[in-house]
Amino acid sequence: MSNDFSNRPRARDLGINIGILSPGQYNAITDVRGVRVGHSTIIQGKGALVPGEGPIRTGVTAILPHGDDLFLEKVTGAVVCINGFGEVTNTQQIDELGVLEGPLMITNTMNVPRVADAVMDWAFDHSAAMGITTWGISPIVAETSDSYLNDIRGRHVTKAHVYEAIDSARDGIVTEGAVGGGTGMICYEFKGGIGTASRVLPDELGHYTVGALVQSNFGSRHKLRIDGVPVGRALIDYDERVQRESQGSVIVVIATDAPMSSRQLRRMGTRATFGLARTGTQGGNTSGDFAIAFSTTRNRPHHSTSHTLELNQVVEDTQLINSLFDAVVEATEEAVLNSLFKAETMIGRDNRIIYALPIQETVEIMNRYGHADVHLP
């Protein structure tokens, strides 16, 4: 199902069906019941870079694990560092306690402190007790760099943008491509950004859902593979290639309604690595690659009147755990591809142009490699 921001197709609209498991209704992280996604996108100005003023090609994305109080009803979670040339805030507390509290935010590198500060304000607005009769929130903010297209020194994401992303978060169709935190991002030297996908396990394995959302900002063009086809090599001379010192970064958010412990969710996050690799990346030295995973069915109340808490969790010596791993890999791979297919060509600072992945040429390449079912919509 295509979203309402870009007329460009998603991978499945072209007949590119990744893996063997079935997607959910929206083929999005929001297929995991309760999960909501919102964006704030900032596109202003054109021409030469004036540091601190523009042009601006940036934004922020919010992922809400459920629709209730995210501080009082924490979710079990984990953060996995695939390659640590980057930042996700609050990882020490998540590693120690195994829970996520508050919305998950994704933005650009230089806006992390501003977004974290705004999340605190948002939390104070929604809790009169926070910081008075209970401790304060520890914001979770992840980042990738959009400095090639954006005036990153301007740190243009404000409190109002953060509030917009959180307050606009909805279930259902997720807007993809050059939106929110993904506005100025580049993937495999084409325009990248936000992408999402999901998988639903068969009834005999509990009918659990796994969803992935990525902010893609990584990859060398000649390595790009789509469903195993070396599309990037065939498109190596499609346009003037991007020359960047950095090898980019990626943030992957994994959601599931399967009951899983923090340790098990860490294992899920680790499997996102394989989904990324299937698109062609090895995780470069200067790539900041992180996976954040959470379960929506193991909420941990902030206040409890009991000394113990009974929680179900997946048994690991059955086929279920391996199928959940499969779901992570497939959804992550397809989310990256959707970020490419949905993103449109963008002109950024200093009139730099990042072209969208060419759809017709990609279809023709897939056909030449025996993927006869791939077609233009």
Protein backbone atom coordinates (compact mmCIF):
# COMPACT_ATOMS: atom_id res chain seq x y z
CA MET A 1 0.00 0.00 0.00
CA SER A 2 1.47 3.34 -1.05
CA ASN A 3 1.49 6.34 1.27
CA ASP A 4 0.03 9.76 0.60
CA PHE A 5 3.25 11.81 0.51
CA SER A 6 4.94 10.54 -2.65
CA ASN A 7 3.44 9.16 -5.84
CA ARG A 8 6.41 6.85 -6.22
CA PRO A 9 5.71 3.15 -5.65
CA ARG A 10 6.89 0.97 -2.81
CA ALA A 11 8.83 -2.22 -3.53
CA ARG A 12 5.74 -4.45 -3.47
CA ASP A 13 3.88 -2.14 -5.83
CA LEU A 14 6.51 -3.18 -8.39
CA GLY A 15 6.21 -6.89 -7.67
CA ILE A 16 9.36 -7.00 -5.53
CA ASN A 17 8.32 -9.35 -2.73
CA ILE A 18 11.10 -9.75 -0.20
CA GLY A 19 11.35 -13.03 1.71
CA ILE A 20 8.73 -15.69 2.37
CA LEU A 21 6.62 -14.29 5.21
CA SER A 22 3.50 -12.20 4.58
CA PRO A 23 3.33 -8.47 5.35
CA GLY A 24 0.68 -6.92 7.58
CA GLN A 25 -2.22 -4.77 6.41
CA TYR A 26 -0.12 -1.64 5.94
CA ASN A 27 3.26 -3.36 5.52
CA ALA A 28 4.50 -0.96 8.17
CA ILE A 29 5.68 -0.84 11.76
CA THR A 30 2.17 0.34 12.64
CA ASP A 31 0.87 -3.15 11.88
CA VAL A 32 2.07 -3.89 15.41
CA ARG A 33 -1.02 -2.89 17.33
CA GLY A 34 -0.70 0.38 19.22
CA VAL A 35 2.43 1.65 17.46
CA ARG A 36 2.14 5.13 15.97
CA VAL A 37 4.48 7.21 13.81
CA GLY A 38 4.64 10.96 13.23
CA HIS A 39 6.93 13.35 11.37
CA SER A 40 7.88 16.99 11.22
CA THR A 41 9.58 17.95 7.94
CA ILE A 42 11.49 21.20 7.37
CA ILE A 43 12.32 22.21 3.78
CA GLN A 44 13.22 25.87 3.41
CA GLY A 45 15.48 27.95 1.19
CA LYS A 46 17.72 27.17 -1.76
CA GLY A 47 21.11 28.03 -3.21
CA ALA A 48 24.41 28.61 -1.46
CA LEU A 49 24.94 27.48 2.12
CA VAL A 50 24.80 30.22 4.74
CA PRO A 51 25.86 28.41 7.94
CA GLY A 52 23.24 28.79 10.61
CA GLU A 53 20.58 30.05 8.20
CA GLY A 54 20.03 27.53 5.39
CA PRO A 55 19.09 25.99 3.08
CA ILE A 56 17.24 23.62 5.41
CA ARG A 57 16.54 19.97 4.56
CA THR A 58 15.90 18.24 7.87
CA GLY A 59 13.26 17.14 10.38
CA VAL A 60 12.36 14.73 13.15
CA THR A 61 10.41 11.48 13.38
CA ALA A 62 8.60 10.08 16.43
CA ILE A 63 7.72 6.43 17.08
CA LEU A 64 5.27 5.85 19.95
CA PRO A 65 5.10 2.23 21.19
CA HIS A 66 1.51 2.65 22.39
CA GLY A 67 -1.19 5.26 22.91
CA ASP A 68 -1.18 5.42 26.71
CA ASP A 69 1.22 7.17 29.10
CA LEU A 70 4.65 6.10 27.80
CA PHE A 71 6.36 6.99 31.07
CA LEU A 72 3.99 5.23 33.46
CA GLU A 73 3.55 2.24 31.12
CA LYS A 74 7.06 1.48 29.91
CA VAL A 75 7.71 -1.18 27.28
CA THR A 76 10.35 -3.87 27.39
CA GLY A 77 13.14 -2.97 24.99
CA ALA A 78 16.78 -3.11 23.99
CA VAL A 79 19.32 -1.17 21.94
CA VAL A 80 21.92 -2.87 19.76
CA CYS A 81 25.03 -1.09 18.53
CA ILE A 82 25.92 -2.51 15.12
CA ASN A 83 28.69 0.05 14.57
CA GLY A 84 29.12 2.77 17.14
CA PHE A 85 30.11 5.81 15.08
CA GLY A 86 26.96 7.63 16.16
CA GLU A 87 24.58 8.21 19.03
CA VAL A 88 21.44 6.88 20.66
CA THR A 89 20.75 8.59 23.98
CA ASN A 90 19.78 6.74 27.18
CA THR A 91 21.36 3.44 26.14
CA GLN A 92 22.96 2.91 29.56
CA GLN A 93 19.60 2.99 31.34
CA ILE A 94 18.00 0.78 28.68
CA ASP A 95 20.80 -1.77 29.06
CA GLU A 96 20.44 -1.68 32.84
CA LEU A 97 16.64 -1.76 33.20
CA GLY A 98 15.52 -3.32 29.92
CA VAL A 99 12.72 -0.81 29.31
CA LEU A 100 11.97 2.14 27.04
CA GLU A 101 10.12 5.18 28.37
CA GLY A 102 8.67 7.92 26.22
CA PRO A 103 8.60 8.37 22.45
CA LEU A 104 11.51 7.22 20.30
CA MET A 105 12.87 10.13 18.28
CA ILE A 106 15.06 10.13 15.15
CA THR A 107 16.65 13.31 13.78
CA ASN A 108 19.98 14.61 12.49
CA THR A 109 23.27 14.50 14.36
CA MET A 110 23.45 18.10 15.55
CA ASN A 111 19.84 18.24 16.71
CA VAL A 112 20.06 15.43 19.28
CA PRO A 113 20.35 17.72 22.36
CA ARG A 114 17.56 20.00 21.17
CA VAL A 115 15.22 17.11 20.49
CA ALA A 116 16.00 15.53 23.87
CA ASP A 117 15.31 18.84 25.61
CA ALA A 118 12.00 19.22 23.78
CA VAL A 119 10.97 15.66 24.70
CA MET A 120 11.53 16.56 28.35
CA ASP A 121 9.28 19.61 27.96
CA TRP A 122 6.65 17.47 26.24
CA ALA A 123 6.81 14.94 29.08
CA PHE A 124 6.49 17.68 31.71
CA ASP A 125 3.43 19.01 29.87
CA HIS A 126 1.84 15.58 30.12
CA SER A 127 2.79 14.72 33.72
CA ALA A 128 2.40 17.06 36.68
CA ALA A 129 4.23 14.57 38.92
CA MET A 130 7.37 14.14 36.82
CA GLY A 131 10.44 15.51 38.54
CA ILE A 132 8.44 16.28 41.70
CA THR A 133 7.05 13.05 43.14
CA THR A 134 8.69 10.76 40.59
CA TRP A 135 11.91 10.82 38.61
CA GLY A 136 12.21 12.49 35.22
CA ILE A 137 12.16 10.96 31.78
CA SER A 138 15.34 9.91 29.97
CA PRO A 139 14.70 10.75 26.29
CA ILE A 140 15.63 8.31 23.55
CA VAL A 141 16.99 10.17 20.53
CA ALA A 142 18.83 8.56 17.61
CA GLU A 143 20.57 10.33 14.73
CA THR A 144 22.12 10.20 11.30
CA SER A 145 23.84 13.09 9.51
CA ASP A 146 22.15 15.13 6.77
CA SER A 147 25.01 17.61 6.33
CA TYR A 148 25.43 16.96 2.58
CA LEU A 149 22.05 18.51 1.77
CA ASN A 150 21.21 20.46 4.93
CA ASP A 151 22.57 23.40 6.91
CA ILE A 152 23.28 21.11 9.83
CA ARG A 153 25.03 23.84 11.85
CA GLY A 154 21.76 25.73 12.05
CA ARG A 155 20.20 23.00 14.22
CA HIS A 156 16.83 23.97 12.82
CA VAL A 157 14.66 21.40 14.63
CA THR A 158 12.83 23.28 17.36
CA LYS A 159 10.57 22.38 20.25
CA ALA A 160 7.57 23.05 18.01
CA HIS A 161 8.81 20.52 15.45
CA VAL A 162 9.31 17.87 18.12
CA TYR A 163 5.82 18.46 19.47
CA GLU A 164 4.43 18.26 15.93
CA ALA A 165 6.10 14.91 15.30
CA ILE A 166 4.85 13.41 18.58
CA ASP A 167 1.36 14.89 18.48
CA SER A 168 0.80 13.95 14.82
CA ALA A 169 1.78 10.31 15.38
CA ARG A 170 -0.87 7.97 13.99
CA ASP A 171 -1.38 4.31 13.29
CA GLY A 172 -2.11 3.03 9.79
CA ILE A 173 -0.17 4.15 6.71
CA VAL A 174 3.28 5.60 7.44
CA THR A 175 4.63 8.40 5.27
CA GLU A 176 7.97 7.35 3.79
CA GLY A 177 10.90 8.80 1.87
CA ALA A 178 12.25 12.31 2.38
CA VAL A 179 10.17 13.11 5.46
CA GLY A 180 10.80 13.74 9.15
CA GLY A 181 14.25 12.75 10.30
CA GLY A 182 14.86 11.26 6.86
CA THR A 183 14.33 14.51 4.95
CA GLY A 184 17.98 15.10 4.06
CA MET A 185 19.29 11.53 4.11
CA ILE A 186 21.10 9.63 1.33
CA CYS A 187 21.06 5.86 0.78
CA TYR A 188 23.36 4.04 -1.64
CA GLU A 189 24.09 7.46 -3.17
CA PHE A 190 20.42 7.87 -4.08
CA LYS A 191 17.83 9.78 -2.06
CA GLY A 192 16.96 7.85 1.08
CA GLY A 193 15.13 8.59 4.32
CA ILE A 194 12.29 6.86 6.15
CA GLY A 195 11.10 3.40 5.16
CA THR A 196 9.01 0.75 6.87
CA ALA A 197 7.72 -2.80 6.43
CA SER A 198 6.19 -5.62 8.49
CA ARG A 199 5.77 -9.36 8.66
CA VAL A 200 3.04 -11.52 10.22
CA LEU A 201 3.77 -15.04 11.40
CA PRO A 202 1.35 -17.87 10.52
CA ASP A 203 -1.40 -18.85 12.94
CA GLU A 204 0.43 -21.97 14.11
CA LEU A 205 3.26 -19.72 15.34
CA GLY A 206 1.01 -17.31 17.19
CA HIS A 207 0.18 -14.86 14.38
CA TYR A 208 2.66 -12.40 15.90
CA THR A 209 3.60 -9.25 14.00
CA VAL A 210 7.06 -7.75 13.56
CA GLY A 211 7.50 -4.26 12.12
CA ALA A 212 10.61 -2.34 11.11
CA LEU A 213 11.19 1.36 10.47
CA VAL A 214 14.51 2.68 9.18
CA GLN A 215 16.15 6.03 8.71
CA SER A 216 18.51 5.15 5.86
CA ASN A 217 21.66 7.20 5.30
CA PHE A 218 24.29 4.70 4.23
CA GLY A 219 25.78 2.66 1.43
CA SER A 220 27.93 2.83 -1.70
CA ARG A 221 25.99 2.64 -4.94
CA HIS A 222 27.93 -0.22 -6.49
CA LYS A 223 26.97 -2.42 -3.52
CA LEU A 224 23.19 -1.90 -3.71
CA ARG A 225 21.27 -5.14 -4.09
CA ILE A 226 17.51 -5.47 -4.48
CA ASP A 227 16.17 -8.95 -3.73
CA GLY A 228 19.65 -10.26 -4.48
CA VAL A 229 20.05 -8.44 -7.80
CA PRO A 230 23.16 -6.17 -8.09
CA VAL A 231 21.13 -3.17 -9.19
CA GLY A 232 23.73 -0.69 -7.97
CA ARG A 233 26.45 -1.99 -10.30
CA ALA A 234 24.14 -1.55 -13.28
CA LEU A 235 23.32 2.02 -12.18
CA ILE A 236 26.87 3.03 -11.36
CA ASP A 237 26.95 5.71 -14.09
CA TYR A 238 23.31 6.76 -13.86
CA ASP A 239 24.21 10.26 -12.69
CA GLU A 240 27.01 12.23 -11.10
CA ARG A 241 27.79 10.22 -8.00
CA VAL A 242 27.85 11.63 -4.49
CA GLN A 243 31.29 12.22 -3.03
CA ARG A 244 31.07 12.03 0.76
CA GLU A 245 33.77 11.50 3.36
CA SER A 246 31.42 9.67 5.71
CA GLN A 247 30.15 6.16 5.05
CA GLY A 248 26.77 7.12 6.45
CA SER A 249 24.56 5.65 9.15
CA VAL A 250 21.26 3.89 9.71
CA ILE A 251 18.74 3.66 12.53
CA VAL A 252 16.46 0.62 12.67
CA VAL A 253 13.44 0.46 15.00
CA ILE A 254 11.95 -3.01 15.50
CA ALA A 255 8.51 -3.47 17.10
CA THR A 256 6.70 -6.71 17.88
CA ASP A 257 3.66 -7.91 19.77
CA ALA A 258 5.42 -11.15 20.65
CA PRO A 259 6.11 -11.33 24.41
CA MET A 260 9.88 -10.99 24.63
CA SER A 261 12.39 -10.13 27.33
CA SER A 262 14.98 -7.40 26.92
CA ARG A 263 17.61 -10.06 26.24
CA GLN A 264 15.45 -11.59 23.53
CA LEU A 265 14.79 -8.18 22.01
CA ARG A 266 18.52 -7.59 21.88
CA ARG A 267 18.73 -10.75 19.80
CA MET A 268 15.98 -9.38 17.55
CA GLY A 269 17.86 -6.12 17.11
CA THR A 270 21.00 -8.00 16.19
CA ARG A 271 19.11 -9.69 13.33
CA ALA A 272 18.44 -6.29 11.78
CA THR A 273 22.11 -6.41 10.78
CA PHE A 274 21.37 -9.21 8.34
CA GLY A 275 18.47 -7.33 6.78
CA LEU A 276 20.75 -4.36 6.19
CA ALA A 277 23.46 -6.61 4.76
CA ARG A 278 21.03 -8.11 2.27
CA THR A 279 20.69 -4.66 0.69
CA GLY A 280 24.46 -4.47 0.20
CA THR A 281 26.08 -2.80 3.20
CA GLN A 282 28.84 -4.17 5.39
CA GLY A 283 28.65 -1.38 7.98
CA GLY A 284 31.56 0.96 7.30
CA ASN A 285 34.07 2.23 9.82
CA THR A 286 32.40 5.63 10.11
CA SER A 287 28.84 4.32 9.94
CA GLY A 288 26.66 4.88 13.00
CA ASP A 289 24.36 1.88 12.90
CA PHE A 290 21.91 1.10 15.71
CA ALA A 291 18.82 -1.05 16.21
CA ILE A 292 16.18 -0.28 18.84
CA ALA A 293 13.74 -3.12 19.56
CA PHE A 294 10.68 -3.25 21.78
CA SER A 295 7.70 -5.46 22.60
CA THR A 296 4.23 -3.97 23.02
CA THR A 297 2.92 -6.85 25.14
CA ARG A 298 5.30 -6.73 28.09
CA ASN A 299 4.51 -3.32 29.56
CA ARG A 300 6.28 -2.52 32.82
CA PRO A 301 4.30 -0.21 35.11
CA HIS A 302 6.24 2.68 36.65
CA HIS A 303 4.37 2.19 39.93
CA SER A 304 3.66 -1.26 41.35
CA THR A 305 2.10 -2.47 44.59
CA SER A 306 3.66 -5.91 44.22
CA HIS A 307 7.22 -7.10 44.77
CA THR A 308 7.00 -9.43 41.78
CA LEU A 309 5.70 -9.25 38.24
CA GLU A 310 4.68 -12.22 36.13
CA LEU A 311 5.55 -11.83 32.45
CA ASN A 312 5.17 -14.28 29.59
CA GLN A 313 7.95 -14.66 27.09
CA VAL A 314 8.77 -16.56 23.93
CA VAL A 315 10.30 -20.02 24.40
CA GLU A 316 13.59 -20.10 22.53
CA ASP A 317 13.97 -23.77 21.67
CA THR A 318 11.05 -23.81 19.21
CA GLN A 319 10.52 -22.66 15.63
CA LEU A 320 8.87 -19.47 16.86
CA ILE A 321 12.07 -17.63 17.76
CA ASN A 322 13.66 -18.41 14.39
CA SER A 323 10.56 -17.23 12.56
CA LEU A 324 10.67 -13.98 14.53
CA PHE A 325 14.30 -13.59 13.48
CA ASP A 326 13.25 -14.19 9.86
CA ALA A 327 10.60 -11.51 10.22
CA VAL A 328 13.14 -8.96 11.46
CA VAL A 329 15.51 -9.66 8.58
CA GLU A 330 12.82 -9.48 5.91
CA ALA A 331 11.10 -6.39 7.31
CA THR A 332 14.39 -4.53 7.73
CA GLU A 333 15.51 -5.32 4.19
CA GLU A 334 12.20 -4.21 2.71
CA ALA A 335 12.08 -1.07 4.87
CA VAL A 336 15.41 0.05 3.40
CA LEU A 337 14.12 -0.58 -0.13
CA ASN A 338 10.93 1.35 0.60
CA SER A 339 12.99 4.30 1.83
CA LEU A 340 14.70 4.31 -1.57
CA PHE A 341 11.65 3.76 -3.74
CA LYS A 342 9.51 6.38 -1.98
CA ALA A 343 12.11 9.15 -1.75
CA GLU A 344 12.08 11.80 -4.47
CA THR A 345 14.99 13.71 -6.00
CA MET A 346 16.10 16.58 -3.74
CA ILE A 347 18.15 19.73 -4.33
CA GLY A 348 19.90 20.82 -1.15
CA ARG A 349 22.50 23.30 -0.01
CA ASP A 350 24.91 24.67 -2.61
CA ASN A 351 22.50 23.31 -5.24
CA ARG A 352 23.66 19.77 -4.55
CA ILE A 353 21.33 17.24 -6.19
CA ILE A 354 20.62 13.76 -4.88
CA TYR A 355 18.60 11.81 -7.41
CA ALA A 356 15.87 9.35 -6.59
CA LEU A 357 16.42 5.70 -7.41
CA PRO A 358 15.27 5.45 -11.07
CA ILE A 359 12.24 3.19 -11.11
CA GLN A 360 11.99 2.24 -14.76
CA GLU A 361 15.69 1.42 -15.01
CA THR A 362 15.49 -0.61 -11.79
CA VAL A 363 12.56 -2.64 -13.14
CA GLU A 364 14.46 -3.32 -16.37
CA ILE A 365 17.52 -4.50 -14.45
CA MET A 366 15.41 -6.80 -12.28
CA ASN A 367 13.81 -8.26 -15.42
CA ARG A 368 17.22 -8.90 -17.01
CA TYR A 369 18.20 -10.91 -13.93
CA GLY A 370 15.18 -13.18 -14.25
CA HIS A 371 12.69 -11.36 -12.03
CA ALA A 372 9.94 -11.43 -14.65
CA ASP A 373 7.22 -10.53 -12.15
CA VAL A 374 8.75 -7.12 -11.43
CA HIS A 375 6.86 -4.47 -13.38
CA LEU A 376 5.94 -0.81 -13.48
CA PRO A 377 2.72 -0.05 -11.55
